[in-house]
Amino acid sequence: MKIFSIHLIIQHMKQFYFVSAILLLLTSCNNKEEYVPVQGKWIKGTEQEQMKTLETQLRGLDMAMVEIGYRYQELYWAGQDEHWEFADYQLKKIEKALKLGLQRRPNRAPTAEHFLNFVIPEVKKTIAAKNKKTFNKKFDMMRQNCTACHAAGREESYPSFKVKIPTERQSPIIK
């Protein structure tokens, strides 16, 4: 008789928890709170003025190039360490940063087409092949194309420069 009553209590507890969970789920689904977007106090003006403020904060291609420059170095050292997973990750991030930057500055897209359509796929292939010697050749090709792309899109307001092979690690990340 005692075993039966413990079994019955456990069964009732399970039913109670199940019904409680269903009620909790149903009440949370019917929550009709309206979403009120948070607006920073620094974003002022009309909707158009606010968009202009955000565009100014995101900037153009220059901030994308800061990220690309960092990832360029990480890509190089990943190749030197034969850390191919990390190299692949960095190349994907370079491609993403460049594409996002070009959304903000679409007039720069023509000079980046060759880089996106030829250079990045070539470097991807060499990363997949996991061959350091080939990687170094393709990385140098990438470096030369970086310099060429900057020369092609150069306006008088932009300085001329050359991209070099990294010589010192900036990051503590190693394989």
N, C-alpha and C. Protein backbone atom coordinates (compact mmCIF):
# COMPACT_ATOMS: atom_id res chain seq x y z
N MET A 1 0.82 -1.20 0.00
CA MET A 1 0.00 0.00 0.00
C MET A 1 0.86 1.26 0.00
N LYS A 2 1.96 1.24 0.72
CA LYS A 2 2.86 2.37 0.80
C LYS A 2 3.50 2.65 -0.55
N ILE A 3 3.92 1.64 -1.31
CA ILE A 3 4.53 1.79 -2.62
C ILE A 3 3.54 2.42 -3.58
N PHE A 4 2.29 2.02 -3.52
CA PHE A 4 1.27 2.57 -4.40
C PHE A 4 1.09 4.06 -4.16
N SER A 5 1.08 4.51 -2.95
CA SER A 5 0.86 5.93 -2.65
C SER A 5 2.06 6.78 -3.09
N ILE A 6 3.30 6.29 -2.97
CA ILE A 6 4.47 7.03 -3.44
C ILE A 6 4.42 7.14 -4.96
N HIS A 7 4.06 6.04 -5.61
CA HIS A 7 3.94 6.04 -7.07
C HIS A 7 2.87 7.05 -7.51
N LEU A 8 1.77 7.09 -6.79
CA LEU A 8 0.68 8.02 -7.11
C LEU A 8 1.12 9.47 -6.91
N ILE A 9 1.87 9.73 -5.86
CA ILE A 9 2.37 11.08 -5.60
C ILE A 9 3.32 11.52 -6.71
N ILE A 10 4.22 10.64 -7.11
CA ILE A 10 5.17 10.96 -8.19
C ILE A 10 4.43 11.23 -9.49
N GLN A 11 3.40 10.43 -9.77
CA GLN A 11 2.61 10.63 -10.99
C GLN A 11 1.90 11.98 -10.96
N HIS A 12 1.33 12.35 -9.83
CA HIS A 12 0.65 13.65 -9.71
C HIS A 12 1.64 14.81 -9.84
N MET A 13 2.85 14.64 -9.29
CA MET A 13 3.87 15.68 -9.41
C MET A 13 4.27 15.88 -10.87
N LYS A 14 4.44 14.79 -11.60
CA LYS A 14 4.79 14.88 -13.02
C LYS A 14 3.69 15.61 -13.79
N GLN A 15 2.44 15.28 -13.49
CA GLN A 15 1.32 15.95 -14.17
C GLN A 15 1.31 17.44 -13.83
N PHE A 16 1.56 17.76 -12.57
CA PHE A 16 1.58 19.15 -12.14
C PHE A 16 2.67 19.93 -12.89
N TYR A 17 3.88 19.37 -12.95
CA TYR A 17 4.98 20.04 -13.65
C TYR A 17 4.70 20.18 -15.14
N PHE A 18 4.09 19.17 -15.73
CA PHE A 18 3.77 19.23 -17.15
C PHE A 18 2.74 20.33 -17.43
N VAL A 19 1.68 20.36 -16.65
CA VAL A 19 0.64 21.39 -16.82
C VAL A 19 1.22 22.78 -16.55
N SER A 20 2.08 22.91 -15.55
CA SER A 20 2.71 24.20 -15.25
C SER A 20 3.57 24.67 -16.41
N ALA A 21 4.32 23.75 -17.00
CA ALA A 21 5.18 24.11 -18.13
C ALA A 21 4.34 24.56 -19.32
N ILE A 22 3.24 23.86 -19.60
CA ILE A 22 2.35 24.23 -20.71
C ILE A 22 1.75 25.61 -20.46
N LEU A 23 1.27 25.86 -19.25
CA LEU A 23 0.69 27.17 -18.92
C LEU A 23 1.73 28.28 -19.05
N LEU A 24 2.92 28.03 -18.59
CA LEU A 24 3.99 29.02 -18.71
C LEU A 24 4.29 29.31 -20.17
N LEU A 25 4.36 28.28 -20.97
CA LEU A 25 4.62 28.45 -22.40
C LEU A 25 3.49 29.25 -23.06
N LEU A 26 2.26 28.91 -22.76
CA LEU A 26 1.12 29.61 -23.37
C LEU A 26 1.06 31.07 -22.95
N THR A 27 1.31 31.35 -21.70
CA THR A 27 1.25 32.75 -21.27
C THR A 27 2.40 33.56 -21.83
N SER A 28 3.55 32.94 -22.01
CA SER A 28 4.66 33.71 -22.58
C SER A 28 4.45 33.95 -24.06
N CYS A 29 3.76 33.06 -24.76
CA CYS A 29 3.48 33.25 -26.19
C CYS A 29 2.45 34.35 -26.41
N ASN A 30 1.58 34.55 -25.45
CA ASN A 30 0.53 35.56 -25.61
C ASN A 30 0.96 36.92 -25.08
N ASN A 31 2.19 37.06 -24.72
CA ASN A 31 2.69 38.34 -24.23
C ASN A 31 2.68 39.33 -25.40
N LYS A 32 1.87 40.36 -25.30
CA LYS A 32 1.72 41.30 -26.41
C LYS A 32 2.40 42.63 -26.13
N GLU A 33 3.52 42.59 -25.43
CA GLU A 33 4.27 43.83 -25.21
C GLU A 33 4.78 44.33 -26.54
N GLU A 34 4.63 45.61 -26.74
CA GLU A 34 5.13 46.20 -27.98
C GLU A 34 6.61 46.47 -27.86
N TYR A 35 7.31 46.20 -28.94
CA TYR A 35 8.74 46.49 -28.98
C TYR A 35 8.92 47.98 -29.23
N VAL A 36 9.64 48.61 -28.35
CA VAL A 36 9.96 50.02 -28.52
C VAL A 36 11.46 50.09 -28.78
N PRO A 37 11.84 50.49 -30.00
CA PRO A 37 13.27 50.53 -30.31
C PRO A 37 14.02 51.52 -29.42
N VAL A 38 15.18 51.11 -29.00
CA VAL A 38 16.01 51.97 -28.17
C VAL A 38 16.72 52.96 -29.09
N GLN A 39 16.66 54.19 -28.73
CA GLN A 39 17.33 55.21 -29.54
C GLN A 39 18.34 55.90 -28.64
N GLY A 40 19.58 55.83 -29.05
CA GLY A 40 20.61 56.52 -28.29
C GLY A 40 20.37 58.02 -28.32
N LYS A 41 20.72 58.68 -27.25
CA LYS A 41 20.49 60.12 -27.17
C LYS A 41 21.35 60.89 -28.16
N TRP A 42 22.41 60.27 -28.66
CA TRP A 42 23.28 60.94 -29.62
C TRP A 42 22.72 60.90 -31.03
N ILE A 43 21.74 60.06 -31.27
CA ILE A 43 21.13 59.98 -32.60
C ILE A 43 19.93 60.92 -32.60
N LYS A 44 20.10 62.07 -33.18
CA LYS A 44 19.05 63.10 -33.13
C LYS A 44 18.57 63.44 -34.53
N GLY A 45 17.46 64.15 -34.58
CA GLY A 45 16.96 64.66 -35.84
C GLY A 45 15.92 63.77 -36.48
N THR A 46 15.63 64.10 -37.72
CA THR A 46 14.66 63.33 -38.49
C THR A 46 15.24 61.95 -38.79
N GLU A 47 14.40 61.08 -39.32
CA GLU A 47 14.87 59.74 -39.68
C GLU A 47 16.02 59.81 -40.68
N GLN A 48 15.92 60.72 -41.63
CA GLN A 48 16.98 60.88 -42.63
C GLN A 48 18.27 61.39 -41.97
N GLU A 49 18.15 62.32 -41.05
CA GLU A 49 19.33 62.84 -40.34
C GLU A 49 19.96 61.76 -39.46
N GLN A 50 19.11 60.93 -38.87
CA GLN A 50 19.61 59.83 -38.05
C GLN A 50 20.39 58.83 -38.90
N MET A 51 19.89 58.53 -40.09
CA MET A 51 20.59 57.62 -41.00
C MET A 51 21.94 58.21 -41.40
N LYS A 52 21.97 59.50 -41.64
CA LYS A 52 23.22 60.17 -41.99
C LYS A 52 24.22 60.06 -40.84
N THR A 53 23.73 60.22 -39.62
CA THR A 53 24.59 60.07 -38.44
C THR A 53 25.17 58.67 -38.37
N LEU A 54 24.33 57.66 -38.59
CA LEU A 54 24.80 56.27 -38.56
C LEU A 54 25.81 56.00 -39.68
N GLU A 55 25.55 56.53 -40.86
CA GLU A 55 26.50 56.37 -41.97
C GLU A 55 27.85 57.00 -41.62
N THR A 56 27.81 58.14 -40.99
CA THR A 56 29.05 58.81 -40.58
C THR A 56 29.80 57.96 -39.56
N GLN A 57 29.07 57.37 -38.62
CA GLN A 57 29.70 56.54 -37.61
C GLN A 57 30.30 55.27 -38.21
N LEU A 58 29.61 54.66 -39.17
CA LEU A 58 30.12 53.44 -39.81
C LEU A 58 31.29 53.74 -40.73
N ARG A 59 31.30 54.94 -41.26
CA ARG A 59 32.33 55.44 -42.17
C ARG A 59 32.32 54.67 -43.48
N GLY A 60 33.35 54.91 -44.26
CA GLY A 60 33.39 54.32 -45.59
C GLY A 60 34.20 53.04 -45.61
N LEU A 61 35.08 52.97 -46.55
CA LEU A 61 35.91 51.79 -46.72
C LEU A 61 37.11 51.80 -45.77
N ASP A 62 37.42 52.96 -45.22
CA ASP A 62 38.63 53.05 -44.38
C ASP A 62 38.56 52.17 -43.14
N MET A 63 37.41 52.09 -42.50
CA MET A 63 37.30 51.25 -41.31
C MET A 63 37.32 49.77 -41.69
N ALA A 64 36.77 49.44 -42.84
CA ALA A 64 36.85 48.06 -43.32
C ALA A 64 38.32 47.70 -43.57
N MET A 65 39.08 48.66 -44.08
CA MET A 65 40.50 48.40 -44.37
C MET A 65 41.32 48.21 -43.10
N VAL A 66 40.91 48.83 -42.01
CA VAL A 66 41.59 48.58 -40.73
C VAL A 66 41.43 47.11 -40.37
N GLU A 67 40.21 46.61 -40.48
CA GLU A 67 39.96 45.19 -40.19
C GLU A 67 40.69 44.29 -41.19
N ILE A 68 40.62 44.64 -42.46
CA ILE A 68 41.27 43.83 -43.49
C ILE A 68 42.78 43.79 -43.26
N GLY A 69 43.37 44.92 -42.90
CA GLY A 69 44.81 44.95 -42.62
C GLY A 69 45.19 44.04 -41.47
N TYR A 70 44.39 44.05 -40.43
CA TYR A 70 44.65 43.17 -39.29
C TYR A 70 44.53 41.70 -39.72
N ARG A 71 43.46 41.40 -40.41
CA ARG A 71 43.22 40.01 -40.83
C ARG A 71 44.22 39.55 -41.88
N TYR A 72 44.72 40.46 -42.69
CA TYR A 72 45.77 40.17 -43.67
C TYR A 72 47.00 39.63 -42.93
N GLN A 73 47.37 40.30 -41.85
CA GLN A 73 48.52 39.84 -41.05
C GLN A 73 48.24 38.49 -40.40
N GLU A 74 47.05 38.33 -39.85
CA GLU A 74 46.69 37.07 -39.22
C GLU A 74 46.69 35.93 -40.24
N LEU A 75 46.20 36.22 -41.45
CA LEU A 75 46.20 35.23 -42.53
C LEU A 75 47.62 34.80 -42.85
N TYR A 76 48.51 35.76 -42.97
CA TYR A 76 49.90 35.45 -43.29
C TYR A 76 50.51 34.52 -42.23
N TRP A 77 50.37 34.90 -40.97
CA TRP A 77 50.99 34.10 -39.91
C TRP A 77 50.31 32.75 -39.76
N ALA A 78 49.02 32.66 -40.03
CA ALA A 78 48.34 31.36 -40.01
C ALA A 78 48.95 30.45 -41.07
N GLY A 79 49.24 31.01 -42.24
CA GLY A 79 49.88 30.23 -43.30
C GLY A 79 51.28 29.80 -42.92
N GLN A 80 52.02 30.69 -42.26
CA GLN A 80 53.39 30.34 -41.85
C GLN A 80 53.37 29.23 -40.79
N ASP A 81 52.35 29.25 -39.95
CA ASP A 81 52.21 28.23 -38.91
C ASP A 81 51.53 26.96 -39.43
N GLU A 82 51.08 27.03 -40.70
CA GLU A 82 50.30 25.95 -41.31
C GLU A 82 49.04 25.64 -40.48
N HIS A 83 48.47 26.69 -39.99
CA HIS A 83 47.22 26.62 -39.23
C HIS A 83 46.09 26.94 -40.23
N TRP A 84 45.77 25.96 -41.04
CA TRP A 84 44.91 26.17 -42.21
C TRP A 84 43.48 26.55 -41.86
N GLU A 85 42.98 26.02 -40.76
CA GLU A 85 41.62 26.39 -40.34
C GLU A 85 41.55 27.88 -40.03
N PHE A 86 42.55 28.36 -39.32
CA PHE A 86 42.60 29.78 -38.95
C PHE A 86 42.83 30.65 -40.18
N ALA A 87 43.65 30.16 -41.10
CA ALA A 87 43.89 30.90 -42.35
C ALA A 87 42.59 31.03 -43.13
N ASP A 88 41.84 29.94 -43.23
CA ASP A 88 40.56 29.97 -43.94
C ASP A 88 39.59 30.95 -43.27
N TYR A 89 39.56 30.93 -41.96
CA TYR A 89 38.70 31.85 -41.20
C TYR A 89 39.07 33.30 -41.51
N GLN A 90 40.36 33.61 -41.49
CA GLN A 90 40.79 34.99 -41.73
C GLN A 90 40.46 35.43 -43.16
N LEU A 91 40.64 34.55 -44.12
CA LEU A 91 40.33 34.91 -45.51
C LEU A 91 38.84 35.18 -45.68
N LYS A 92 38.01 34.37 -45.04
CA LYS A 92 36.55 34.60 -45.10
C LYS A 92 36.20 35.96 -44.49
N LYS A 93 36.85 36.30 -43.39
CA LYS A 93 36.59 37.59 -42.74
C LYS A 93 37.09 38.76 -43.59
N ILE A 94 38.19 38.58 -44.29
CA ILE A 94 38.68 39.61 -45.21
C ILE A 94 37.64 39.84 -46.30
N GLU A 95 37.15 38.76 -46.87
CA GLU A 95 36.15 38.86 -47.94
C GLU A 95 34.88 39.54 -47.43
N LYS A 96 34.42 39.15 -46.25
CA LYS A 96 33.21 39.75 -45.68
C LYS A 96 33.40 41.23 -45.40
N ALA A 97 34.52 41.59 -44.78
CA ALA A 97 34.78 43.00 -44.46
C ALA A 97 34.84 43.84 -45.73
N LEU A 98 35.46 43.30 -46.77
CA LEU A 98 35.56 44.04 -48.04
C LEU A 98 34.17 44.22 -48.66
N LYS A 99 33.38 43.16 -48.69
CA LYS A 99 32.03 43.26 -49.26
C LYS A 99 31.17 44.25 -48.49
N LEU A 100 31.25 44.23 -47.17
CA LEU A 100 30.48 45.19 -46.37
C LEU A 100 30.95 46.61 -46.60
N GLY A 101 32.26 46.79 -46.70
CA GLY A 101 32.80 48.12 -47.00
C GLY A 101 32.36 48.62 -48.36
N LEU A 102 32.29 47.71 -49.33
CA LEU A 102 31.86 48.10 -50.68
C LEU A 102 30.37 48.44 -50.73
N GLN A 103 29.59 47.89 -49.81
CA GLN A 103 28.19 48.30 -49.73
C GLN A 103 28.10 49.77 -49.35
N ARG A 104 29.01 50.20 -48.49
CA ARG A 104 29.02 51.60 -48.07
C ARG A 104 29.66 52.50 -49.11
N ARG A 105 30.55 51.94 -49.92
CA ARG A 105 31.23 52.71 -50.97
C ARG A 105 31.17 51.95 -52.29
N PRO A 106 29.98 51.86 -52.89
CA PRO A 106 29.82 51.06 -54.11
C PRO A 106 30.65 51.56 -55.29
N ASN A 107 31.04 52.82 -55.29
CA ASN A 107 31.86 53.32 -56.41
C ASN A 107 33.26 52.70 -56.40
N ARG A 108 33.64 52.05 -55.32
CA ARG A 108 34.94 51.36 -55.25
C ARG A 108 34.85 49.91 -55.75
N ALA A 109 33.66 49.42 -55.95
CA ALA A 109 33.48 48.01 -56.33
C ALA A 109 34.23 47.59 -57.59
N PRO A 110 34.24 48.41 -58.65
CA PRO A 110 34.96 47.97 -59.85
C PRO A 110 36.43 47.65 -59.62
N THR A 111 37.10 48.41 -58.76
CA THR A 111 38.52 48.12 -58.51
C THR A 111 38.70 46.88 -57.65
N ALA A 112 37.66 46.47 -56.93
CA ALA A 112 37.76 45.30 -56.05
C ALA A 112 37.28 44.01 -56.72
N GLU A 113 36.65 44.13 -57.89
CA GLU A 113 36.10 42.94 -58.56
C GLU A 113 37.13 41.84 -58.76
N HIS A 114 38.28 42.18 -59.31
CA HIS A 114 39.32 41.18 -59.57
C HIS A 114 39.76 40.51 -58.26
N PHE A 115 39.88 41.31 -57.23
CA PHE A 115 40.30 40.79 -55.93
C PHE A 115 39.27 39.79 -55.40
N LEU A 116 37.99 40.15 -55.49
CA LEU A 116 36.93 39.27 -54.98
C LEU A 116 36.71 38.04 -55.85
N ASN A 117 36.80 38.22 -57.16
CA ASN A 117 36.47 37.13 -58.08
C ASN A 117 37.64 36.23 -58.47
N PHE A 118 38.85 36.70 -58.29
CA PHE A 118 40.01 35.90 -58.68
C PHE A 118 40.98 35.66 -57.53
N VAL A 119 41.41 36.73 -56.88
CA VAL A 119 42.46 36.61 -55.86
C VAL A 119 41.99 35.78 -54.67
N ILE A 120 40.86 36.15 -54.10
CA ILE A 120 40.38 35.41 -52.92
C ILE A 120 40.14 33.93 -53.25
N PRO A 121 39.48 33.58 -54.37
CA PRO A 121 39.33 32.16 -54.68
C PRO A 121 40.67 31.42 -54.85
N GLU A 122 41.67 32.09 -55.41
CA GLU A 122 42.99 31.46 -55.56
C GLU A 122 43.63 31.19 -54.20
N VAL A 123 43.52 32.14 -53.30
CA VAL A 123 44.09 31.94 -51.96
C VAL A 123 43.31 30.85 -51.23
N LYS A 124 41.98 30.81 -51.42
CA LYS A 124 41.16 29.76 -50.81
C LYS A 124 41.64 28.38 -51.25
N LYS A 125 41.92 28.24 -52.54
CA LYS A 125 42.40 26.95 -53.07
C LYS A 125 43.70 26.53 -52.40
N THR A 126 44.60 27.47 -52.26
CA THR A 126 45.90 27.12 -51.67
C THR A 126 45.78 26.79 -50.19
N ILE A 127 44.84 27.42 -49.51
CA ILE A 127 44.60 27.08 -48.10
C ILE A 127 44.04 25.66 -48.02
N ALA A 128 43.11 25.34 -48.91
CA ALA A 128 42.53 23.99 -48.94
C ALA A 128 43.59 22.94 -49.25
N ALA A 129 44.57 23.30 -50.07
CA ALA A 129 45.65 22.37 -50.43
C ALA A 129 46.65 22.17 -49.28
N LYS A 130 46.65 23.08 -48.32
CA LYS A 130 47.52 22.98 -47.14
C LYS A 130 48.99 22.85 -47.51
N ASN A 131 49.41 23.71 -48.43
CA ASN A 131 50.80 23.68 -48.88
C ASN A 131 51.41 25.05 -48.62
N LYS A 132 52.35 25.09 -47.70
CA LYS A 132 52.94 26.37 -47.27
C LYS A 132 53.66 27.09 -48.41
N LYS A 133 54.38 26.34 -49.23
CA LYS A 133 55.13 26.96 -50.33
C LYS A 133 54.17 27.63 -51.33
N THR A 134 53.11 26.92 -51.69
CA THR A 134 52.11 27.49 -52.61
C THR A 134 51.38 28.64 -51.94
N PHE A 135 51.08 28.49 -50.65
CA PHE A 135 50.43 29.56 -49.91
C PHE A 135 51.25 30.84 -50.00
N ASN A 136 52.56 30.74 -49.78
CA ASN A 136 53.42 31.93 -49.81
C ASN A 136 53.39 32.60 -51.18
N LYS A 137 53.35 31.81 -52.25
CA LYS A 137 53.27 32.39 -53.60
C LYS A 137 51.93 33.11 -53.80
N LYS A 138 50.85 32.46 -53.39
CA LYS A 138 49.52 33.07 -53.56
C LYS A 138 49.33 34.26 -52.63
N PHE A 139 49.92 34.19 -51.45
CA PHE A 139 49.83 35.33 -50.54
C PHE A 139 50.54 36.53 -51.14
N ASP A 140 51.70 36.29 -51.77
CA ASP A 140 52.41 37.39 -52.42
C ASP A 140 51.60 37.95 -53.59
N MET A 141 50.91 37.06 -54.32
CA MET A 141 50.03 37.52 -55.39
C MET A 141 48.93 38.41 -54.79
N MET A 142 48.40 37.99 -53.65
CA MET A 142 47.37 38.77 -52.97
C MET A 142 47.92 40.14 -52.56
N ARG A 143 49.10 40.15 -52.01
CA ARG A 143 49.74 41.41 -51.60
C ARG A 143 49.89 42.35 -52.79
N GLN A 144 50.38 41.82 -53.92
CA GLN A 144 50.55 42.64 -55.12
C GLN A 144 49.21 43.19 -55.61
N ASN A 145 48.16 42.37 -55.51
CA ASN A 145 46.84 42.83 -55.93
C ASN A 145 46.26 43.86 -54.98
N CYS A 146 46.59 43.76 -53.71
CA CYS A 146 46.17 44.80 -52.75
C CYS A 146 46.77 46.14 -53.17
N THR A 147 48.06 46.13 -53.44
CA THR A 147 48.74 47.36 -53.85
C THR A 147 48.15 47.88 -55.16
N ALA A 148 47.93 46.98 -56.13
CA ALA A 148 47.37 47.39 -57.43
C ALA A 148 45.97 47.97 -57.28
N CYS A 149 45.17 47.36 -56.42
CA CYS A 149 43.80 47.84 -56.20
C CYS A 149 43.83 49.25 -55.62
N HIS A 150 44.72 49.48 -54.70
CA HIS A 150 44.83 50.82 -54.10
C HIS A 150 45.33 51.84 -55.12
N ALA A 151 46.22 51.43 -55.97
CA ALA A 151 46.73 52.35 -57.00
C ALA A 151 45.64 52.67 -58.02
N ALA A 152 44.82 51.66 -58.36
CA ALA A 152 43.76 51.85 -59.36
C ALA A 152 42.65 52.78 -58.84
N GLY A 153 42.36 52.71 -57.56
CA GLY A 153 41.28 53.52 -57.02
C GLY A 153 41.76 54.81 -56.41
N ARG A 154 43.00 55.15 -56.67
CA ARG A 154 43.62 56.31 -56.01
C ARG A 154 43.05 57.62 -56.53
N GLU A 155 42.71 58.44 -55.59
CA GLU A 155 42.31 59.81 -55.89
C GLU A 155 43.37 60.71 -55.27
N GLU A 156 43.38 61.94 -55.67
CA GLU A 156 44.40 62.85 -55.15
C GLU A 156 44.35 62.98 -53.63
N SER A 157 43.18 62.77 -53.05
CA SER A 157 43.07 62.91 -51.60
C SER A 157 43.59 61.69 -50.84
N TYR A 158 43.91 60.60 -51.56
CA TYR A 158 44.42 59.40 -50.92
C TYR A 158 45.90 59.25 -51.18
N PRO A 159 46.66 58.89 -50.16
CA PRO A 159 48.09 58.71 -50.37
C PRO A 159 48.38 57.41 -51.12
N SER A 160 49.48 57.39 -51.83
CA SER A 160 49.93 56.19 -52.52
C SER A 160 50.78 55.37 -51.55
N PHE A 161 50.65 54.07 -51.60
CA PHE A 161 51.45 53.21 -50.72
C PHE A 161 51.55 51.81 -51.30
N LYS A 162 52.44 51.03 -50.73
CA LYS A 162 52.61 49.63 -51.11
C LYS A 162 52.30 48.77 -49.89
N VAL A 163 51.73 47.62 -50.15
CA VAL A 163 51.44 46.66 -49.09
C VAL A 163 52.61 45.69 -49.02
N LYS A 164 53.08 45.40 -47.81
CA LYS A 164 54.24 44.51 -47.67
C LYS A 164 53.84 43.20 -46.99
N ILE A 165 54.73 42.25 -47.07
CA ILE A 165 54.57 40.99 -46.35
C ILE A 165 54.84 41.29 -44.87
N PRO A 166 54.00 40.82 -43.96
CA PRO A 166 54.25 41.07 -42.54
C PRO A 166 55.60 40.49 -42.09
N THR A 167 56.27 41.22 -41.23
CA THR A 167 57.56 40.76 -40.71
C THR A 167 57.52 40.51 -39.21
N GLU A 168 56.54 41.06 -38.53
CA GLU A 168 56.41 40.87 -37.09
C GLU A 168 54.97 40.54 -36.76
N ARG A 169 54.80 39.60 -35.86
CA ARG A 169 53.45 39.24 -35.41
C ARG A 169 52.88 40.36 -34.55
N GLN A 170 51.65 40.70 -34.82
CA GLN A 170 50.96 41.70 -34.01
C GLN A 170 50.04 41.02 -33.00
N SER A 171 49.77 39.76 -33.23
CA SER A 171 48.80 39.02 -32.43
C SER A 171 49.49 37.90 -31.66
N PRO A 172 48.98 37.57 -30.50
CA PRO A 172 49.55 36.47 -29.74
C PRO A 172 49.05 35.09 -30.20
N ILE A 173 48.20 35.06 -31.20
CA ILE A 173 47.60 33.80 -31.65
C ILE A 173 48.59 32.99 -32.47
N ILE A 174 48.83 31.76 -32.04
CA ILE A 174 49.66 30.83 -32.80
C ILE A 174 48.97 29.47 -32.80
N LYS A 175 49.46 28.59 -33.63
CA LYS A 175 48.86 27.25 -33.73
C LYS A 175 49.15 26.47 -32.47
